[in-house]
Amino acid sequence: MSKDELLDKALKELVEVAFKDGVVDDAEWDMINQIEISLQVYADALDRALLDHVITREESAELENLRDKIMSDAKDVAGEDGVIDDEEKELLQTLTQILKKYRT
C-alpha cells in the first residue's frame, strides 16, 4: 500500500468516526484537518528514514517525537473550547490506533 493510500485510509477512519452521529462540527473538522497535515509530515519523515532501508536510532527518535506531537496537537485542537467531548475523545482514540500502525 502506498503512502497516499495509507493516509487516505487513516483520514477515512477519522471521518467515519466523526460522522457517526450524522454531523461533523467545526471542531471535529479542525481536528481532522490538523491531523491530516501532521500525518503528511510524519509520512514524509518516515519515507526519508526508509530511503536506505534502515531506521537509525536518531530517525526512530524523530519519528517517535513526531507521533507524540501529532497526539499533543490533536488534543490541543480538541480542547480549544475547554471541553473534549465524547466524539473528540473517540477521534483521539482512533488517532492513537492509527499511530500504532505507524510505529517503527
N, C-alpha and C. Protein backbone atom coordinates (compact mmCIF):
# COMPACT_ATOMS: atom_id res chain seq x y z
N MET A 1 0.85 -1.17 0.00
CA MET A 1 0.00 0.00 0.00
C MET A 1 0.90 1.24 0.00
N SER A 2 0.58 2.19 -0.85
CA SER A 2 1.39 3.41 -0.95
C SER A 2 1.13 4.33 0.24
N LYS A 3 2.04 5.29 0.39
CA LYS A 3 1.89 6.29 1.46
C LYS A 3 0.56 7.03 1.32
N ASP A 4 0.22 7.42 0.10
CA ASP A 4 -1.03 8.15 -0.12
C ASP A 4 -2.25 7.29 0.23
N GLU A 5 -2.18 6.01 -0.10
CA GLU A 5 -3.29 5.11 0.24
C GLU A 5 -3.43 4.95 1.75
N LEU A 6 -2.29 4.86 2.45
CA LEU A 6 -2.33 4.76 3.91
C LEU A 6 -2.91 6.02 4.54
N LEU A 7 -2.50 7.17 4.03
CA LEU A 7 -3.03 8.43 4.55
C LEU A 7 -4.53 8.55 4.28
N ASP A 8 -4.93 8.17 3.07
CA ASP A 8 -6.35 8.22 2.73
C ASP A 8 -7.16 7.30 3.65
N LYS A 9 -6.63 6.11 3.91
CA LYS A 9 -7.31 5.16 4.79
C LYS A 9 -7.43 5.73 6.21
N ALA A 10 -6.36 6.32 6.70
CA ALA A 10 -6.38 6.91 8.05
C ALA A 10 -7.41 8.03 8.13
N LEU A 11 -7.43 8.89 7.15
CA LEU A 11 -8.38 10.00 7.16
C LEU A 11 -9.82 9.50 7.03
N LYS A 12 -10.01 8.46 6.23
CA LYS A 12 -11.35 7.88 6.09
C LYS A 12 -11.82 7.34 7.44
N GLU A 13 -10.94 6.68 8.17
CA GLU A 13 -11.30 6.18 9.50
C GLU A 13 -11.74 7.32 10.41
N LEU A 14 -10.99 8.42 10.38
CA LEU A 14 -11.32 9.56 11.23
C LEU A 14 -12.65 10.19 10.84
N VAL A 15 -12.89 10.34 9.55
CA VAL A 15 -14.14 10.94 9.08
C VAL A 15 -15.33 10.04 9.44
N GLU A 16 -15.14 8.73 9.31
CA GLU A 16 -16.22 7.81 9.68
C GLU A 16 -16.59 7.95 11.17
N VAL A 17 -15.58 8.10 12.02
CA VAL A 17 -15.83 8.29 13.44
C VAL A 17 -16.58 9.60 13.65
N ALA A 18 -16.12 10.66 12.98
CA ALA A 18 -16.76 11.96 13.15
C ALA A 18 -18.21 11.96 12.66
N PHE A 19 -18.50 11.18 11.62
CA PHE A 19 -19.85 11.15 11.03
C PHE A 19 -20.78 10.16 11.73
N LYS A 20 -20.30 9.50 12.78
CA LYS A 20 -21.13 8.51 13.46
C LYS A 20 -22.49 9.05 13.86
N ASP A 21 -22.53 10.28 14.31
CA ASP A 21 -23.79 10.88 14.74
C ASP A 21 -24.49 11.63 13.61
N GLY A 22 -23.94 11.54 12.41
CA GLY A 22 -24.56 12.19 11.25
C GLY A 22 -24.16 13.64 11.06
N VAL A 23 -23.36 14.18 11.98
CA VAL A 23 -22.95 15.59 11.91
C VAL A 23 -21.48 15.69 12.27
N VAL A 24 -20.75 16.47 11.48
CA VAL A 24 -19.36 16.77 11.82
C VAL A 24 -19.30 18.27 12.10
N ASP A 25 -19.03 18.61 13.36
CA ASP A 25 -19.00 20.03 13.71
C ASP A 25 -17.64 20.65 13.35
N ASP A 26 -17.56 21.96 13.50
CA ASP A 26 -16.34 22.67 13.12
C ASP A 26 -15.12 22.18 13.90
N ALA A 27 -15.29 21.87 15.17
CA ALA A 27 -14.16 21.41 15.99
C ALA A 27 -13.64 20.07 15.47
N GLU A 28 -14.55 19.19 15.06
CA GLU A 28 -14.13 17.89 14.52
C GLU A 28 -13.40 18.07 13.19
N TRP A 29 -13.92 18.96 12.34
CA TRP A 29 -13.23 19.22 11.06
C TRP A 29 -11.86 19.82 11.31
N ASP A 30 -11.78 20.73 12.27
CA ASP A 30 -10.48 21.32 12.61
C ASP A 30 -9.50 20.24 13.04
N MET A 31 -9.97 19.31 13.87
CA MET A 31 -9.11 18.20 14.32
C MET A 31 -8.65 17.36 13.13
N ILE A 32 -9.59 16.99 12.29
CA ILE A 32 -9.26 16.13 11.14
C ILE A 32 -8.28 16.83 10.21
N ASN A 33 -8.50 18.11 9.94
CA ASN A 33 -7.59 18.86 9.07
C ASN A 33 -6.19 18.96 9.67
N GLN A 34 -6.11 19.22 10.97
CA GLN A 34 -4.82 19.31 11.64
C GLN A 34 -4.12 17.96 11.61
N ILE A 35 -4.86 16.89 11.86
CA ILE A 35 -4.29 15.54 11.84
C ILE A 35 -3.80 15.19 10.44
N GLU A 36 -4.56 15.56 9.42
CA GLU A 36 -4.15 15.28 8.03
C GLU A 36 -2.79 15.90 7.73
N ILE A 37 -2.62 17.15 8.10
CA ILE A 37 -1.35 17.85 7.86
C ILE A 37 -0.23 17.17 8.64
N SER A 38 -0.48 16.84 9.88
CA SER A 38 0.53 16.22 10.73
C SER A 38 0.91 14.83 10.23
N LEU A 39 -0.08 14.05 9.79
CA LEU A 39 0.23 12.72 9.27
C LEU A 39 1.04 12.79 7.97
N GLN A 40 0.80 13.82 7.18
CA GLN A 40 1.59 14.00 5.95
C GLN A 40 3.05 14.28 6.31
N VAL A 41 3.27 15.14 7.30
CA VAL A 41 4.63 15.44 7.75
C VAL A 41 5.29 14.17 8.27
N TYR A 42 4.54 13.38 9.05
CA TYR A 42 5.07 12.12 9.58
C TYR A 42 5.41 11.15 8.45
N ALA A 43 4.51 11.00 7.49
CA ALA A 43 4.74 10.08 6.38
C ALA A 43 5.97 10.49 5.58
N ASP A 44 6.16 11.78 5.38
CA ASP A 44 7.36 12.26 4.67
C ASP A 44 8.63 11.93 5.45
N ALA A 45 8.59 12.11 6.77
CA ALA A 45 9.75 11.79 7.61
C ALA A 45 10.02 10.29 7.57
N LEU A 46 8.98 9.49 7.58
CA LEU A 46 9.13 8.04 7.51
C LEU A 46 9.74 7.62 6.17
N ASP A 47 9.28 8.24 5.09
CA ASP A 47 9.85 7.97 3.77
C ASP A 47 11.35 8.27 3.75
N ARG A 48 11.72 9.42 4.30
CA ARG A 48 13.15 9.79 4.33
C ARG A 48 13.95 8.78 5.15
N ALA A 49 13.37 8.36 6.26
CA ALA A 49 14.07 7.40 7.13
C ALA A 49 14.24 6.05 6.43
N LEU A 50 13.33 5.69 5.58
CA LEU A 50 13.37 4.39 4.92
C LEU A 50 14.13 4.38 3.60
N LEU A 51 14.65 5.52 3.20
CA LEU A 51 15.37 5.59 1.93
C LEU A 51 16.50 4.56 1.84
N ASP A 52 17.21 4.38 2.94
CA ASP A 52 18.33 3.42 2.94
C ASP A 52 17.91 2.07 3.54
N HIS A 53 16.61 1.88 3.74
CA HIS A 53 16.04 0.64 4.27
C HIS A 53 16.46 0.34 5.70
N VAL A 54 16.98 1.33 6.40
CA VAL A 54 17.39 1.18 7.80
C VAL A 54 16.92 2.42 8.55
N ILE A 55 16.26 2.19 9.69
CA ILE A 55 15.87 3.32 10.52
C ILE A 55 16.85 3.38 11.69
N THR A 56 17.61 4.46 11.71
CA THR A 56 18.61 4.63 12.76
C THR A 56 17.94 5.03 14.07
N ARG A 57 18.70 5.02 15.14
CA ARG A 57 18.16 5.45 16.43
C ARG A 57 17.68 6.89 16.37
N GLU A 58 18.44 7.72 15.68
CA GLU A 58 18.07 9.13 15.56
C GLU A 58 16.76 9.28 14.79
N GLU A 59 16.65 8.53 13.69
CA GLU A 59 15.42 8.59 12.90
C GLU A 59 14.24 8.05 13.70
N SER A 60 14.46 6.98 14.43
CA SER A 60 13.41 6.41 15.27
C SER A 60 12.95 7.41 16.32
N ALA A 61 13.91 8.11 16.93
CA ALA A 61 13.58 9.12 17.93
C ALA A 61 12.80 10.26 17.30
N GLU A 62 13.20 10.68 16.11
CA GLU A 62 12.49 11.75 15.41
C GLU A 62 11.05 11.33 15.11
N LEU A 63 10.87 10.10 14.66
CA LEU A 63 9.54 9.61 14.34
C LEU A 63 8.68 9.51 15.60
N GLU A 64 9.27 9.06 16.70
CA GLU A 64 8.55 8.99 17.97
C GLU A 64 8.12 10.39 18.42
N ASN A 65 9.03 11.35 18.29
CA ASN A 65 8.71 12.74 18.64
C ASN A 65 7.58 13.28 17.78
N LEU A 66 7.59 12.95 16.50
CA LEU A 66 6.52 13.40 15.61
C LEU A 66 5.18 12.77 16.00
N ARG A 67 5.18 11.48 16.33
CA ARG A 67 3.93 10.83 16.77
C ARG A 67 3.40 11.50 18.04
N ASP A 68 4.31 11.77 18.98
CA ASP A 68 3.90 12.45 20.22
C ASP A 68 3.32 13.83 19.92
N LYS A 69 3.96 14.55 18.99
CA LYS A 69 3.49 15.89 18.63
C LYS A 69 2.12 15.83 17.95
N ILE A 70 1.92 14.82 17.11
CA ILE A 70 0.62 14.67 16.45
C ILE A 70 -0.48 14.51 17.49
N MET A 71 -0.24 13.64 18.49
CA MET A 71 -1.24 13.44 19.54
C MET A 71 -1.45 14.71 20.36
N SER A 72 -0.36 15.35 20.73
CA SER A 72 -0.43 16.56 21.54
C SER A 72 -1.20 17.66 20.81
N ASP A 73 -0.88 17.85 19.53
CA ASP A 73 -1.56 18.87 18.74
C ASP A 73 -3.05 18.56 18.59
N ALA A 74 -3.36 17.28 18.38
CA ALA A 74 -4.77 16.89 18.23
C ALA A 74 -5.53 17.15 19.53
N LYS A 75 -4.90 16.84 20.66
CA LYS A 75 -5.54 17.10 21.96
C LYS A 75 -5.74 18.60 22.17
N ASP A 76 -4.75 19.39 21.76
CA ASP A 76 -4.87 20.84 21.88
C ASP A 76 -6.05 21.37 21.06
N VAL A 77 -6.17 20.88 19.82
CA VAL A 77 -7.27 21.33 18.97
C VAL A 77 -8.61 20.87 19.57
N ALA A 78 -8.66 19.63 20.05
CA ALA A 78 -9.90 19.12 20.64
C ALA A 78 -10.31 19.92 21.87
N GLY A 79 -9.34 20.39 22.63
CA GLY A 79 -9.64 21.11 23.87
C GLY A 79 -9.68 22.61 23.74
N GLU A 80 -9.65 23.13 22.52
CA GLU A 80 -9.65 24.59 22.33
C GLU A 80 -10.84 25.27 22.99
N ASP A 81 -11.98 24.59 23.02
CA ASP A 81 -13.17 25.18 23.61
C ASP A 81 -13.28 24.89 25.11
N GLY A 82 -12.23 24.27 25.66
CA GLY A 82 -12.22 23.98 27.09
C GLY A 82 -12.81 22.64 27.46
N VAL A 83 -13.38 21.95 26.47
CA VAL A 83 -14.02 20.65 26.73
C VAL A 83 -13.66 19.69 25.60
N ILE A 84 -13.30 18.47 25.96
CA ILE A 84 -13.11 17.43 24.96
C ILE A 84 -14.33 16.51 25.07
N ASP A 85 -15.22 16.63 24.08
CA ASP A 85 -16.47 15.86 24.14
C ASP A 85 -16.24 14.41 23.73
N ASP A 86 -17.29 13.61 23.82
CA ASP A 86 -17.16 12.17 23.55
C ASP A 86 -16.70 11.88 22.12
N GLU A 87 -17.20 12.64 21.16
CA GLU A 87 -16.79 12.42 19.77
C GLU A 87 -15.32 12.77 19.57
N GLU A 88 -14.88 13.84 20.19
CA GLU A 88 -13.46 14.21 20.10
C GLU A 88 -12.59 13.14 20.78
N LYS A 89 -13.08 12.61 21.89
CA LYS A 89 -12.35 11.53 22.56
C LYS A 89 -12.24 10.31 21.64
N GLU A 90 -13.32 10.01 20.95
CA GLU A 90 -13.30 8.88 20.03
C GLU A 90 -12.35 9.13 18.86
N LEU A 91 -12.30 10.37 18.38
CA LEU A 91 -11.33 10.71 17.33
C LEU A 91 -9.90 10.53 17.84
N LEU A 92 -9.66 10.95 19.07
CA LEU A 92 -8.33 10.79 19.66
C LEU A 92 -7.97 9.32 19.82
N GLN A 93 -8.94 8.50 20.21
CA GLN A 93 -8.69 7.06 20.33
C GLN A 93 -8.38 6.44 18.97
N THR A 94 -9.11 6.87 17.96
CA THR A 94 -8.86 6.37 16.61
C THR A 94 -7.48 6.80 16.14
N LEU A 95 -7.11 8.03 16.42
CA LEU A 95 -5.78 8.52 16.06
C LEU A 95 -4.70 7.69 16.76
N THR A 96 -4.91 7.35 18.01
CA THR A 96 -3.96 6.52 18.74
C THR A 96 -3.76 5.20 18.02
N GLN A 97 -4.85 4.59 17.57
CA GLN A 97 -4.75 3.31 16.85
C GLN A 97 -4.02 3.49 15.51
N ILE A 98 -4.30 4.57 14.83
CA ILE A 98 -3.64 4.85 13.55
C ILE A 98 -2.14 5.00 13.78
N LEU A 99 -1.75 5.75 14.79
CA LEU A 99 -0.32 5.97 15.06
C LEU A 99 0.38 4.69 15.47
N LYS A 100 -0.33 3.78 16.12
CA LYS A 100 0.27 2.49 16.47
C LYS A 100 0.65 1.70 15.22
N LYS A 101 -0.13 1.87 14.16
CA LYS A 101 0.16 1.18 12.90
C LYS A 101 1.45 1.71 12.27
N TYR A 102 1.80 2.95 12.59
CA TYR A 102 2.99 3.59 12.02
C TYR A 102 4.22 3.44 12.87
N ARG A 103 4.15 2.69 13.96
CA ARG A 103 5.31 2.54 14.85
C ARG A 103 6.47 1.91 14.12
N THR A 104 7.65 2.33 14.50
CA THR A 104 8.85 1.78 13.86
C THR A 104 9.54 0.82 14.79
